[in-house]
mmCIF file of all heavy atoms, coordinates in Angstrom:
data_MODEL
# 
_entry.id   MODEL 
# 
loop_
_atom_site.group_PDB 
_atom_site.id 
_atom_site.type_symbol 
_atom_site.label_atom_id 
_atom_site.label_alt_id 
_atom_site.label_comp_id 
_atom_site.label_asym_id 
_atom_site.label_entity_id 
_atom_site.label_seq_id 
_atom_site.pdbx_PDB_ins_code 
_atom_site.Cartn_x 
_atom_site.Cartn_y 
_atom_site.Cartn_z 
_atom_site.occupancy 
_atom_site.B_iso_or_equiv 
_atom_site.pdbx_formal_charge 
_atom_site.auth_seq_id 
_atom_site.auth_comp_id 
_atom_site.auth_asym_id 
_atom_site.auth_atom_id 
_atom_site.pdbx_PDB_model_num 
ATOM 1   N N   . ASP A 1 1  ? -1.131  182.821 21.877 1.00 0.00 ? 1  ASP A N   1 
ATOM 2   C CA  . ASP A 1 1  ? -1.930  181.763 22.736 1.00 0.00 ? 1  ASP A CA  1 
ATOM 3   C C   . ASP A 1 1  ? -3.379  182.280 22.666 1.00 0.00 ? 1  ASP A C   1 
ATOM 4   O O   . ASP A 1 1  ? -3.828  183.342 22.769 1.00 0.00 ? 1  ASP A O   1 
ATOM 5   C CB  . ASP A 1 1  ? -1.501  182.028 24.243 1.00 0.00 ? 1  ASP A CB  1 
ATOM 6   C CG  . ASP A 1 1  ? -2.159  181.133 25.169 1.00 0.00 ? 1  ASP A CG  1 
ATOM 7   O OD1 . ASP A 1 1  ? -1.726  179.978 25.225 1.00 0.00 ? 1  ASP A OD1 1 
ATOM 8   O OD2 . ASP A 1 1  ? -3.092  181.582 25.800 1.00 0.00 ? 1  ASP A OD2 1 
ATOM 9   N N   . ILE A 1 2  ? -4.294  181.296 22.421 1.00 0.00 ? 2  ILE A N   1 
ATOM 10  C CA  . ILE A 1 2  ? -5.589  181.450 22.234 1.00 0.00 ? 2  ILE A CA  1 
ATOM 11  C C   . ILE A 1 2  ? -6.456  180.618 23.198 1.00 0.00 ? 2  ILE A C   1 
ATOM 12  O O   . ILE A 1 2  ? -6.219  179.392 23.234 1.00 0.00 ? 2  ILE A O   1 
ATOM 13  C CB  . ILE A 1 2  ? -6.142  181.131 20.648 1.00 0.00 ? 2  ILE A CB  1 
ATOM 14  C CG1 . ILE A 1 2  ? -5.333  181.911 19.806 1.00 0.00 ? 2  ILE A CG1 1 
ATOM 15  C CG2 . ILE A 1 2  ? -7.597  181.229 20.589 1.00 0.00 ? 2  ILE A CG2 1 
ATOM 16  C CD1 . ILE A 1 2  ? -5.535  181.309 18.379 1.00 0.00 ? 2  ILE A CD1 1 
ATOM 17  N N   . THR A 1 3  ? -7.403  181.227 24.011 1.00 0.00 ? 3  THR A N   1 
ATOM 18  C CA  . THR A 1 3  ? -8.245  180.555 24.857 1.00 0.00 ? 3  THR A CA  1 
ATOM 19  C C   . THR A 1 3  ? -9.530  180.414 24.160 1.00 0.00 ? 3  THR A C   1 
ATOM 20  O O   . THR A 1 3  ? -10.184 181.304 23.772 1.00 0.00 ? 3  THR A O   1 
ATOM 21  C CB  . THR A 1 3  ? -8.442  181.104 26.313 1.00 0.00 ? 3  THR A CB  1 
ATOM 22  O OG1 . THR A 1 3  ? -7.042  181.408 26.874 1.00 0.00 ? 3  THR A OG1 1 
ATOM 23  C CG2 . THR A 1 3  ? -9.362  180.476 27.106 1.00 0.00 ? 3  THR A CG2 1 
ATOM 24  N N   . HIS A 1 4  ? -9.993  179.145 23.994 1.00 0.00 ? 4  HIS A N   1 
ATOM 25  C CA  . HIS A 1 4  ? -11.251 178.898 23.231 1.00 0.00 ? 4  HIS A CA  1 
ATOM 26  C C   . HIS A 1 4  ? -12.421 178.990 24.297 1.00 0.00 ? 4  HIS A C   1 
ATOM 27  O O   . HIS A 1 4  ? -13.563 179.452 23.988 1.00 0.00 ? 4  HIS A O   1 
ATOM 28  C CB  . HIS A 1 4  ? -11.317 177.465 22.466 1.00 0.00 ? 4  HIS A CB  1 
ATOM 29  C CG  . HIS A 1 4  ? -10.257 177.609 21.415 1.00 0.00 ? 4  HIS A CG  1 
ATOM 30  N ND1 . HIS A 1 4  ? -10.470 178.150 20.242 1.00 0.00 ? 4  HIS A ND1 1 
ATOM 31  C CD2 . HIS A 1 4  ? -9.070  176.981 21.299 1.00 0.00 ? 4  HIS A CD2 1 
ATOM 32  C CE1 . HIS A 1 4  ? -9.377  178.053 19.539 1.00 0.00 ? 4  HIS A CE1 1 
ATOM 33  N NE2 . HIS A 1 4  ? -8.470  177.289 20.149 1.00 0.00 ? 4  HIS A NE2 1 
ATOM 34  N N   . TYR A 1 5  ? -12.321 178.392 25.397 1.00 0.00 ? 5  TYR A N   1 
ATOM 35  C CA  . TYR A 1 5  ? -13.195 178.385 26.555 1.00 0.00 ? 5  TYR A CA  1 
ATOM 36  C C   . TYR A 1 5  ? -12.696 177.863 27.803 1.00 0.00 ? 5  TYR A C   1 
ATOM 37  O O   . TYR A 1 5  ? -11.627 177.148 27.830 1.00 0.00 ? 5  TYR A O   1 
ATOM 38  C CB  . TYR A 1 5  ? -14.554 177.796 26.093 1.00 0.00 ? 5  TYR A CB  1 
ATOM 39  C CG  . TYR A 1 5  ? -14.518 176.296 25.613 1.00 0.00 ? 5  TYR A CG  1 
ATOM 40  C CD1 . TYR A 1 5  ? -14.654 175.230 26.481 1.00 0.00 ? 5  TYR A CD1 1 
ATOM 41  C CD2 . TYR A 1 5  ? -14.412 176.026 24.263 1.00 0.00 ? 5  TYR A CD2 1 
ATOM 42  C CE1 . TYR A 1 5  ? -14.531 173.951 26.032 1.00 0.00 ? 5  TYR A CE1 1 
ATOM 43  C CE2 . TYR A 1 5  ? -14.366 174.742 23.844 1.00 0.00 ? 5  TYR A CE2 1 
ATOM 44  C CZ  . TYR A 1 5  ? -14.446 173.657 24.687 1.00 0.00 ? 5  TYR A CZ  1 
ATOM 45  O OH  . TYR A 1 5  ? -14.505 172.397 24.242 1.00 0.00 ? 5  TYR A OH  1 
ATOM 46  N N   . PHE A 1 6  ? -13.476 178.048 28.816 1.00 0.00 ? 6  PHE A N   1 
ATOM 47  C CA  . PHE A 1 6  ? -13.075 177.542 30.211 1.00 0.00 ? 6  PHE A CA  1 
ATOM 48  C C   . PHE A 1 6  ? -14.034 176.451 30.613 1.00 0.00 ? 6  PHE A C   1 
ATOM 49  O O   . PHE A 1 6  ? -15.366 176.584 30.382 1.00 0.00 ? 6  PHE A O   1 
ATOM 50  C CB  . PHE A 1 6  ? -13.134 178.753 31.189 1.00 0.00 ? 6  PHE A CB  1 
ATOM 51  C CG  . PHE A 1 6  ? -12.120 179.860 30.923 1.00 0.00 ? 6  PHE A CG  1 
ATOM 52  C CD1 . PHE A 1 6  ? -12.495 180.875 30.318 1.00 0.00 ? 6  PHE A CD1 1 
ATOM 53  C CD2 . PHE A 1 6  ? -10.804 179.684 31.283 1.00 0.00 ? 6  PHE A CD2 1 
ATOM 54  C CE1 . PHE A 1 6  ? -11.601 181.916 30.084 1.00 0.00 ? 6  PHE A CE1 1 
ATOM 55  C CE2 . PHE A 1 6  ? -9.888  180.715 31.034 1.00 0.00 ? 6  PHE A CE2 1 
ATOM 56  C CZ  . PHE A 1 6  ? -10.310 181.908 30.363 1.00 0.00 ? 6  PHE A CZ  1 
ATOM 57  N N   . LEU A 1 7  ? -13.577 175.572 31.430 1.00 0.00 ? 7  LEU A N   1 
ATOM 58  C CA  . LEU A 1 7  ? -14.519 174.553 32.087 1.00 0.00 ? 7  LEU A CA  1 
ATOM 59  C C   . LEU A 1 7  ? -14.101 174.545 33.544 1.00 0.00 ? 7  LEU A C   1 
ATOM 60  O O   . LEU A 1 7  ? -12.900 174.608 33.864 1.00 0.00 ? 7  LEU A O   1 
ATOM 61  C CB  . LEU A 1 7  ? -14.298 173.209 31.519 1.00 0.00 ? 7  LEU A CB  1 
ATOM 62  C CG  . LEU A 1 7  ? -14.746 173.194 30.089 1.00 0.00 ? 7  LEU A CG  1 
ATOM 63  C CD1 . LEU A 1 7  ? -14.168 171.904 29.331 1.00 0.00 ? 7  LEU A CD1 1 
ATOM 64  C CD2 . LEU A 1 7  ? -16.277 173.068 29.994 1.00 0.00 ? 7  LEU A CD2 1 
ATOM 65  N N   . LYS A 1 8  ? -15.070 174.356 34.398 1.00 0.00 ? 8  LYS A N   1 
ATOM 66  C CA  . LYS A 1 8  ? -14.869 174.378 35.897 1.00 0.00 ? 8  LYS A CA  1 
ATOM 67  C C   . LYS A 1 8  ? -15.405 173.099 36.441 1.00 0.00 ? 8  LYS A C   1 
ATOM 68  O O   . LYS A 1 8  ? -15.727 172.231 35.672 1.00 0.00 ? 8  LYS A O   1 
ATOM 69  C CB  . LYS A 1 8  ? -15.404 175.545 36.432 1.00 0.00 ? 8  LYS A CB  1 
ATOM 70  C CG  . LYS A 1 8  ? -16.939 175.747 36.345 1.00 0.00 ? 8  LYS A CG  1 
ATOM 71  C CD  . LYS A 1 8  ? -17.455 176.916 36.979 1.00 0.00 ? 8  LYS A CD  1 
ATOM 72  C CE  . LYS A 1 8  ? -18.936 176.878 36.858 1.00 0.00 ? 8  LYS A CE  1 
ATOM 73  N NZ  . LYS A 1 8  ? -19.592 177.962 37.782 1.00 0.00 ? 8  LYS A NZ  1 
ATOM 74  N N   . GLU A 1 9  ? -15.508 173.035 37.787 1.00 0.00 ? 9  GLU A N   1 
ATOM 75  C CA  . GLU A 1 9  ? -16.065 171.957 38.481 1.00 0.00 ? 9  GLU A CA  1 
ATOM 76  C C   . GLU A 1 9  ? -17.361 171.320 37.923 1.00 0.00 ? 9  GLU A C   1 
ATOM 77  O O   . GLU A 1 9  ? -18.095 172.104 37.484 1.00 0.00 ? 9  GLU A O   1 
ATOM 78  C CB  . GLU A 1 9  ? -16.151 172.231 39.926 1.00 0.00 ? 9  GLU A CB  1 
ATOM 79  C CG  . GLU A 1 9  ? -15.032 172.525 40.790 1.00 0.00 ? 9  GLU A CG  1 
ATOM 80  C CD  . GLU A 1 9  ? -14.580 174.046 40.727 1.00 0.00 ? 9  GLU A CD  1 
ATOM 81  O OE1 . GLU A 1 9  ? -15.228 174.851 40.111 1.00 0.00 ? 9  GLU A OE1 1 
ATOM 82  O OE2 . GLU A 1 9  ? -13.491 174.281 41.229 1.00 0.00 ? 9  GLU A OE2 1 
ATOM 83  N N   . ASN A 1 10 ? -17.357 169.985 38.039 1.00 0.00 ? 10 ASN A N   1 
ATOM 84  C CA  . ASN A 1 10 ? -18.452 169.161 37.696 1.00 0.00 ? 10 ASN A CA  1 
ATOM 85  C C   . ASN A 1 10 ? -18.860 169.288 36.207 1.00 0.00 ? 10 ASN A C   1 
ATOM 86  O O   . ASN A 1 10 ? -20.001 169.133 35.772 1.00 0.00 ? 10 ASN A O   1 
ATOM 87  C CB  . ASN A 1 10 ? -19.822 169.733 38.425 1.00 0.00 ? 10 ASN A CB  1 
ATOM 88  C CG  . ASN A 1 10 ? -19.582 169.594 39.921 1.00 0.00 ? 10 ASN A CG  1 
ATOM 89  O OD1 . ASN A 1 10 ? -19.053 168.635 40.370 1.00 0.00 ? 10 ASN A OD1 1 
ATOM 90  N ND2 . ASN A 1 10 ? -19.896 170.570 40.622 1.00 0.00 ? 10 ASN A ND2 1 
ATOM 91  N N   . TYR A 1 11 ? -17.780 169.454 35.320 1.00 0.00 ? 11 TYR A N   1 
ATOM 92  C CA  . TYR A 1 11 ? -17.993 169.341 33.890 1.00 0.00 ? 11 TYR A CA  1 
ATOM 93  C C   . TYR A 1 11 ? -17.028 168.328 33.320 1.00 0.00 ? 11 TYR A C   1 
ATOM 94  O O   . TYR A 1 11 ? -15.861 168.085 33.911 1.00 0.00 ? 11 TYR A O   1 
ATOM 95  C CB  . TYR A 1 11 ? -17.556 170.695 33.262 1.00 0.00 ? 11 TYR A CB  1 
ATOM 96  C CG  . TYR A 1 11 ? -18.750 171.699 33.232 1.00 0.00 ? 11 TYR A CG  1 
ATOM 97  C CD1 . TYR A 1 11 ? -18.898 172.542 34.302 1.00 0.00 ? 11 TYR A CD1 1 
ATOM 98  C CD2 . TYR A 1 11 ? -19.715 171.735 32.169 1.00 0.00 ? 11 TYR A CD2 1 
ATOM 99  C CE1 . TYR A 1 11 ? -20.008 173.433 34.237 1.00 0.00 ? 11 TYR A CE1 1 
ATOM 100 C CE2 . TYR A 1 11 ? -20.661 172.614 32.124 1.00 0.00 ? 11 TYR A CE2 1 
ATOM 101 C CZ  . TYR A 1 11 ? -20.878 173.473 33.181 1.00 0.00 ? 11 TYR A CZ  1 
ATOM 102 O OH  . TYR A 1 11 ? -22.000 174.317 33.158 1.00 0.00 ? 11 TYR A OH  1 
ATOM 103 N N   . PHE A 1 12 ? -17.307 167.578 32.292 1.00 0.00 ? 12 PHE A N   1 
ATOM 104 C CA  . PHE A 1 12 ? -16.412 166.806 31.586 1.00 0.00 ? 12 PHE A CA  1 
ATOM 105 C C   . PHE A 1 12 ? -15.606 167.640 30.713 1.00 0.00 ? 12 PHE A C   1 
ATOM 106 O O   . PHE A 1 12 ? -16.024 168.706 30.253 1.00 0.00 ? 12 PHE A O   1 
ATOM 107 C CB  . PHE A 1 12 ? -17.293 165.850 30.721 1.00 0.00 ? 12 PHE A CB  1 
ATOM 108 C CG  . PHE A 1 12 ? -17.961 164.623 31.479 1.00 0.00 ? 12 PHE A CG  1 
ATOM 109 C CD1 . PHE A 1 12 ? -19.306 164.732 31.682 1.00 0.00 ? 12 PHE A CD1 1 
ATOM 110 C CD2 . PHE A 1 12 ? -17.236 163.519 32.033 1.00 0.00 ? 12 PHE A CD2 1 
ATOM 111 C CE1 . PHE A 1 12 ? -19.938 163.738 32.383 1.00 0.00 ? 12 PHE A CE1 1 
ATOM 112 C CE2 . PHE A 1 12 ? -17.908 162.603 32.783 1.00 0.00 ? 12 PHE A CE2 1 
ATOM 113 C CZ  . PHE A 1 12 ? -19.191 162.686 32.862 1.00 0.00 ? 12 PHE A CZ  1 
ATOM 114 N N   . CYS A 1 13 ? -14.429 167.121 30.406 1.00 0.00 ? 13 CYS A N   1 
ATOM 115 C CA  . CYS A 1 13 ? -13.507 167.800 29.642 1.00 0.00 ? 13 CYS A CA  1 
ATOM 116 C C   . CYS A 1 13 ? -12.604 166.934 28.763 1.00 0.00 ? 13 CYS A C   1 
ATOM 117 O O   . CYS A 1 13 ? -12.071 165.884 29.240 1.00 0.00 ? 13 CYS A O   1 
ATOM 118 C CB  . CYS A 1 13 ? -12.524 168.711 30.416 1.00 0.00 ? 13 CYS A CB  1 
ATOM 119 S SG  . CYS A 1 13 ? -11.219 169.587 29.610 1.00 0.00 ? 13 CYS A SG  1 
ATOM 120 N N   . THR A 1 14 ? -12.523 167.184 27.505 1.00 0.00 ? 14 THR A N   1 
ATOM 121 C CA  . THR A 1 14 ? -11.780 166.437 26.588 1.00 0.00 ? 14 THR A CA  1 
ATOM 122 C C   . THR A 1 14 ? -11.738 167.318 25.329 1.00 0.00 ? 14 THR A C   1 
ATOM 123 O O   . THR A 1 14 ? -12.407 168.317 25.211 1.00 0.00 ? 14 THR A O   1 
ATOM 124 C CB  . THR A 1 14 ? -12.281 165.046 26.303 1.00 0.00 ? 14 THR A CB  1 
ATOM 125 O OG1 . THR A 1 14 ? -11.215 164.311 25.559 1.00 0.00 ? 14 THR A OG1 1 
ATOM 126 C CG2 . THR A 1 14 ? -13.625 165.072 25.461 1.00 0.00 ? 14 THR A CG2 1 
ATOM 127 N N   . ILE A 1 15 ? -10.826 166.871 24.306 1.00 0.00 ? 15 ILE A N   1 
ATOM 128 C CA  . ILE A 1 15 ? -10.959 167.527 22.999 1.00 0.00 ? 15 ILE A CA  1 
ATOM 129 C C   . ILE A 1 15 ? -11.918 166.537 22.179 1.00 0.00 ? 15 ILE A C   1 
ATOM 130 O O   . ILE A 1 15 ? -11.374 165.419 21.766 1.00 0.00 ? 15 ILE A O   1 
ATOM 131 C CB  . ILE A 1 15 ? -9.590  167.686 22.438 1.00 0.00 ? 15 ILE A CB  1 
ATOM 132 C CG1 . ILE A 1 15 ? -8.657  168.477 23.258 1.00 0.00 ? 15 ILE A CG1 1 
ATOM 133 C CG2 . ILE A 1 15 ? -9.699  168.339 20.964 1.00 0.00 ? 15 ILE A CG2 1 
ATOM 134 C CD1 . ILE A 1 15 ? -9.195  169.910 23.686 1.00 0.00 ? 15 ILE A CD1 1 
ATOM 135 N N   . LEU A 1 16 ? -13.111 166.865 22.211 1.00 0.00 ? 16 LEU A N   1 
ATOM 136 C CA  . LEU A 1 16 ? -14.227 165.890 21.862 1.00 0.00 ? 16 LEU A CA  1 
ATOM 137 C C   . LEU A 1 16 ? -14.077 165.287 20.486 1.00 0.00 ? 16 LEU A C   1 
ATOM 138 O O   . LEU A 1 16 ? -14.096 164.054 20.475 1.00 0.00 ? 16 LEU A O   1 
ATOM 139 C CB  . LEU A 1 16 ? -15.629 166.601 21.933 1.00 0.00 ? 16 LEU A CB  1 
ATOM 140 C CG  . LEU A 1 16 ? -16.797 165.723 21.940 1.00 0.00 ? 16 LEU A CG  1 
ATOM 141 C CD1 . LEU A 1 16 ? -16.804 164.739 23.105 1.00 0.00 ? 16 LEU A CD1 1 
ATOM 142 C CD2 . LEU A 1 16 ? -18.027 166.413 21.997 1.00 0.00 ? 16 LEU A CD2 1 
ATOM 143 N N   . GLY A 1 17 ? -13.762 165.905 19.383 1.00 0.00 ? 17 GLY A N   1 
ATOM 144 C CA  . GLY A 1 17 ? -13.563 165.326 18.140 1.00 0.00 ? 17 GLY A CA  1 
ATOM 145 C C   . GLY A 1 17 ? -12.391 164.317 18.132 1.00 0.00 ? 17 GLY A C   1 
ATOM 146 O O   . GLY A 1 17 ? -12.541 163.211 17.577 1.00 0.00 ? 17 GLY A O   1 
ATOM 147 N N   . SER A 1 18 ? -11.372 164.793 18.704 1.00 0.00 ? 18 SER A N   1 
ATOM 148 C CA  . SER A 1 18 ? -10.134 163.948 18.779 1.00 0.00 ? 18 SER A CA  1 
ATOM 149 C C   . SER A 1 18 ? -10.407 162.719 19.561 1.00 0.00 ? 18 SER A C   1 
ATOM 150 O O   . SER A 1 18 ? -9.948  161.525 19.275 1.00 0.00 ? 18 SER A O   1 
ATOM 151 C CB  . SER A 1 18 ? -9.012  164.811 19.361 1.00 0.00 ? 18 SER A CB  1 
ATOM 152 O OG  . SER A 1 18 ? -7.725  163.885 19.486 1.00 0.00 ? 18 SER A OG  1 
ATOM 153 N N   . PHE A 1 19 ? -11.015 162.866 20.788 1.00 0.00 ? 19 PHE A N   1 
ATOM 154 C CA  . PHE A 1 19 ? -11.285 161.745 21.718 1.00 0.00 ? 19 PHE A CA  1 
ATOM 155 C C   . PHE A 1 19 ? -12.245 160.719 21.003 1.00 0.00 ? 19 PHE A C   1 
ATOM 156 O O   . PHE A 1 19 ? -12.000 159.521 21.038 1.00 0.00 ? 19 PHE A O   1 
ATOM 157 C CB  . PHE A 1 19 ? -11.862 162.325 22.996 1.00 0.00 ? 19 PHE A CB  1 
ATOM 158 C CG  . PHE A 1 19 ? -12.207 161.256 23.989 1.00 0.00 ? 19 PHE A CG  1 
ATOM 159 C CD1 . PHE A 1 19 ? -11.314 160.562 24.645 1.00 0.00 ? 19 PHE A CD1 1 
ATOM 160 C CD2 . PHE A 1 19 ? -13.489 160.937 24.307 1.00 0.00 ? 19 PHE A CD2 1 
ATOM 161 C CE1 . PHE A 1 19 ? -11.597 159.518 25.600 1.00 0.00 ? 19 PHE A CE1 1 
ATOM 162 C CE2 . PHE A 1 19 ? -13.921 159.923 25.199 1.00 0.00 ? 19 PHE A CE2 1 
ATOM 163 C CZ  . PHE A 1 19 ? -12.866 159.231 25.881 1.00 0.00 ? 19 PHE A CZ  1 
ATOM 164 N N   . LEU A 1 20 ? -13.339 161.205 20.497 1.00 0.00 ? 20 LEU A N   1 
ATOM 165 C CA  . LEU A 1 20 ? -14.240 160.215 19.836 1.00 0.00 ? 20 LEU A CA  1 
ATOM 166 C C   . LEU A 1 20 ? -13.894 159.580 18.585 1.00 0.00 ? 20 LEU A C   1 
ATOM 167 O O   . LEU A 1 20 ? -14.125 158.496 18.323 1.00 0.00 ? 20 LEU A O   1 
ATOM 168 C CB  . LEU A 1 20 ? -15.743 160.996 19.654 1.00 0.00 ? 20 LEU A CB  1 
ATOM 169 C CG  . LEU A 1 20 ? -16.331 161.494 20.923 1.00 0.00 ? 20 LEU A CG  1 
ATOM 170 C CD1 . LEU A 1 20 ? -17.643 162.293 20.508 1.00 0.00 ? 20 LEU A CD1 1 
ATOM 171 C CD2 . LEU A 1 20 ? -16.741 160.323 21.796 1.00 0.00 ? 20 LEU A CD2 1 
ATOM 172 N N   . GLU A 1 21 ? -13.159 160.370 17.775 1.00 0.00 ? 21 GLU A N   1 
ATOM 173 C CA  . GLU A 1 21 ? -12.774 159.898 16.372 1.00 0.00 ? 21 GLU A CA  1 
ATOM 174 C C   . GLU A 1 21 ? -11.264 159.381 16.367 1.00 0.00 ? 21 GLU A C   1 
ATOM 175 O O   . GLU A 1 21 ? -10.770 158.962 15.334 1.00 0.00 ? 21 GLU A O   1 
ATOM 176 C CB  . GLU A 1 21 ? -13.007 161.011 15.354 1.00 0.00 ? 21 GLU A CB  1 
ATOM 177 C CG  . GLU A 1 21 ? -14.475 161.435 15.274 1.00 0.00 ? 21 GLU A CG  1 
ATOM 178 C CD  . GLU A 1 21 ? -14.720 162.694 14.432 1.00 0.00 ? 21 GLU A CD  1 
ATOM 179 O OE1 . GLU A 1 21 ? -13.775 163.229 14.037 1.00 0.00 ? 21 GLU A OE1 1 
ATOM 180 O OE2 . GLU A 1 21 ? -15.919 162.959 14.499 1.00 0.00 ? 21 GLU A OE2 1 
ATOM 181 N N   . GLN A 1 22 ? -10.609 159.656 17.546 1.00 0.00 ? 22 GLN A N   1 
ATOM 182 C CA  . GLN A 1 22 ? -9.053  159.414 17.522 1.00 0.00 ? 22 GLN A CA  1 
ATOM 183 C C   . GLN A 1 22 ? -8.324  160.089 16.399 1.00 0.00 ? 22 GLN A C   1 
ATOM 184 O O   . GLN A 1 22 ? -7.585  159.391 15.661 1.00 0.00 ? 22 GLN A O   1 
ATOM 185 C CB  . GLN A 1 22 ? -8.946  157.893 17.623 1.00 0.00 ? 22 GLN A CB  1 
ATOM 186 C CG  . GLN A 1 22 ? -9.434  157.231 18.885 1.00 0.00 ? 22 GLN A CG  1 
ATOM 187 C CD  . GLN A 1 22 ? -8.744  157.655 20.179 1.00 0.00 ? 22 GLN A CD  1 
ATOM 188 O OE1 . GLN A 1 22 ? -7.749  157.168 20.549 1.00 0.00 ? 22 GLN A OE1 1 
ATOM 189 N NE2 . GLN A 1 22 ? -9.180  158.733 20.812 1.00 0.00 ? 22 GLN A NE2 1 
ATOM 190 N N   . THR A 1 23 ? -8.591  161.270 16.341 1.00 0.00 ? 23 THR A N   1 
ATOM 191 C CA  . THR A 1 23 ? -7.836  162.127 15.301 1.00 0.00 ? 23 THR A CA  1 
ATOM 192 C C   . THR A 1 23 ? -6.934  163.182 16.003 1.00 0.00 ? 23 THR A C   1 
ATOM 193 O O   . THR A 1 23 ? -7.140  163.502 17.124 1.00 0.00 ? 23 THR A O   1 
ATOM 194 C CB  . THR A 1 23 ? -8.892  162.901 14.361 1.00 0.00 ? 23 THR A CB  1 
ATOM 195 O OG1 . THR A 1 23 ? -9.780  163.618 15.200 1.00 0.00 ? 23 THR A OG1 1 
ATOM 196 C CG2 . THR A 1 23 ? -9.677  161.858 13.523 1.00 0.00 ? 23 THR A CG2 1 
ATOM 197 N N   . ILE A 1 24 ? -5.989  163.737 15.148 1.00 0.00 ? 24 ILE A N   1 
ATOM 198 C CA  . ILE A 1 24 ? -5.153  164.725 15.782 1.00 0.00 ? 24 ILE A CA  1 
ATOM 199 C C   . ILE A 1 24 ? -5.919  165.966 16.153 1.00 0.00 ? 24 ILE A C   1 
ATOM 200 O O   . ILE A 1 24 ? -6.767  166.402 15.403 1.00 0.00 ? 24 ILE A O   1 
ATOM 201 C CB  . ILE A 1 24 ? -4.082  165.136 14.676 1.00 0.00 ? 24 ILE A CB  1 
ATOM 202 C CG1 . ILE A 1 24 ? -3.298  164.024 14.185 1.00 0.00 ? 24 ILE A CG1 1 
ATOM 203 C CG2 . ILE A 1 24 ? -3.129  166.343 15.241 1.00 0.00 ? 24 ILE A CG2 1 
ATOM 204 C CD1 . ILE A 1 24 ? -2.238  163.523 15.257 1.00 0.00 ? 24 ILE A CD1 1 
ATOM 205 N N   . ALA A 1 25 ? -5.576  166.483 17.365 1.00 0.00 ? 25 ALA A N   1 
ATOM 206 C CA  . ALA A 1 25 ? -6.276  167.673 17.909 1.00 0.00 ? 25 ALA A CA  1 
ATOM 207 C C   . ALA A 1 25 ? -5.490  168.971 17.671 1.00 0.00 ? 25 ALA A C   1 
ATOM 208 O O   . ALA A 1 25 ? -4.192  168.875 17.843 1.00 0.00 ? 25 ALA A O   1 
ATOM 209 C CB  . ALA A 1 25 ? -6.563  167.457 19.348 1.00 0.00 ? 25 ALA A CB  1 
ATOM 210 N N   . LEU A 1 26 ? -6.058  170.048 17.299 1.00 0.00 ? 26 LEU A N   1 
ATOM 211 C CA  . LEU A 1 26 ? -5.395  171.254 17.153 1.00 0.00 ? 26 LEU A CA  1 
ATOM 212 C C   . LEU A 1 26 ? -5.325  172.021 18.395 1.00 0.00 ? 26 LEU A C   1 
ATOM 213 O O   . LEU A 1 26 ? -4.586  172.959 18.664 1.00 0.00 ? 26 LEU A O   1 
ATOM 214 C CB  . LEU A 1 26 ? -6.071  172.266 16.064 1.00 0.00 ? 26 LEU A CB  1 
ATOM 215 C CG  . LEU A 1 26 ? -6.087  171.570 14.612 1.00 0.00 ? 26 LEU A CG  1 
ATOM 216 C CD1 . LEU A 1 26 ? -6.888  172.526 13.760 1.00 0.00 ? 26 LEU A CD1 1 
ATOM 217 C CD2 . LEU A 1 26 ? -4.721  171.376 14.179 1.00 0.00 ? 26 LEU A CD2 1 
ATOM 218 N N   . GLU A 1 27 ? -6.394  171.636 19.378 1.00 0.00 ? 27 GLU A N   1 
ATOM 219 C CA  . GLU A 1 27 ? -6.486  172.264 20.666 1.00 0.00 ? 27 GLU A CA  1 
ATOM 220 C C   . GLU A 1 27 ? -5.803  171.477 21.787 1.00 0.00 ? 27 GLU A C   1 
ATOM 221 O O   . GLU A 1 27 ? -5.551  170.238 21.518 1.00 0.00 ? 27 GLU A O   1 
ATOM 222 C CB  . GLU A 1 27 ? -7.958  172.403 21.040 1.00 0.00 ? 27 GLU A CB  1 
ATOM 223 C CG  . GLU A 1 27 ? -8.641  173.337 19.985 1.00 0.00 ? 27 GLU A CG  1 
ATOM 224 C CD  . GLU A 1 27 ? -9.366  172.387 18.916 1.00 0.00 ? 27 GLU A CD  1 
ATOM 225 O OE1 . GLU A 1 27 ? -9.185  171.236 18.954 1.00 0.00 ? 27 GLU A OE1 1 
ATOM 226 O OE2 . GLU A 1 27 ? -9.877  172.987 18.000 1.00 0.00 ? 27 GLU A OE2 1 
ATOM 227 N N   . GLY A 1 28 ? -5.479  172.081 22.871 1.00 0.00 ? 28 GLY A N   1 
ATOM 228 C CA  . GLY A 1 28 ? -4.999  171.336 24.121 1.00 0.00 ? 28 GLY A CA  1 
ATOM 229 C C   . GLY A 1 28 ? -5.845  171.710 25.198 1.00 0.00 ? 28 GLY A C   1 
ATOM 230 O O   . GLY A 1 28 ? -6.802  172.476 25.179 1.00 0.00 ? 28 GLY A O   1 
ATOM 231 N N   . ILE A 1 29 ? -5.501  171.107 26.390 1.00 0.00 ? 29 ILE A N   1 
ATOM 232 C CA  . ILE A 1 29 ? -6.102  171.406 27.636 1.00 0.00 ? 29 ILE A CA  1 
ATOM 233 C C   . ILE A 1 29 ? -5.005  171.799 28.697 1.00 0.00 ? 29 ILE A C   1 
ATOM 234 O O   . ILE A 1 29 ? -4.040  171.064 28.786 1.00 0.00 ? 29 ILE A O   1 
ATOM 235 C CB  . ILE A 1 29 ? -6.864  170.113 28.266 1.00 0.00 ? 29 ILE A CB  1 
ATOM 236 C CG1 . ILE A 1 29 ? -7.867  169.600 27.118 1.00 0.00 ? 29 ILE A CG1 1 
ATOM 237 C CG2 . ILE A 1 29 ? -7.626  170.487 29.532 1.00 0.00 ? 29 ILE A CG2 1 
ATOM 238 C CD1 . ILE A 1 29 ? -8.313  168.252 27.487 1.00 0.00 ? 29 ILE A CD1 1 
ATOM 239 N N   . GLN A 1 30 ? -5.369  172.922 29.371 1.00 0.00 ? 30 GLN A N   1 
ATOM 240 C CA  . GLN A 1 30 ? -4.321  173.409 30.286 1.00 0.00 ? 30 GLN A CA  1 
ATOM 241 C C   . GLN A 1 30 ? -5.014  173.862 31.628 1.00 0.00 ? 30 GLN A C   1 
ATOM 242 O O   . GLN A 1 30 ? -6.112  174.282 31.601 1.00 0.00 ? 30 GLN A O   1 
ATOM 243 C CB  . GLN A 1 30 ? -3.599  174.614 29.800 1.00 0.00 ? 30 GLN A CB  1 
ATOM 244 C CG  . GLN A 1 30 ? -2.512  175.192 30.552 1.00 0.00 ? 30 GLN A CG  1 
ATOM 245 C CD  . GLN A 1 30 ? -1.821  176.360 30.104 1.00 0.00 ? 30 GLN A CD  1 
ATOM 246 O OE1 . GLN A 1 30 ? -2.537  177.228 29.195 1.00 0.00 ? 30 GLN A OE1 1 
ATOM 247 N NE2 . GLN A 1 30 ? -0.537  176.658 30.443 1.00 0.00 ? 30 GLN A NE2 1 
# 
C-alpha cells in the first residue's frame, strides 16, 4: 500500500489526469 499524499477540508480532490483526460488511473482515493 502506497500513500502518495493527503487532502483535507476545503480542498478539491480527484485523480486529475484521469478526470481531465478520461484515462485509466493507477491511483485511487480512500
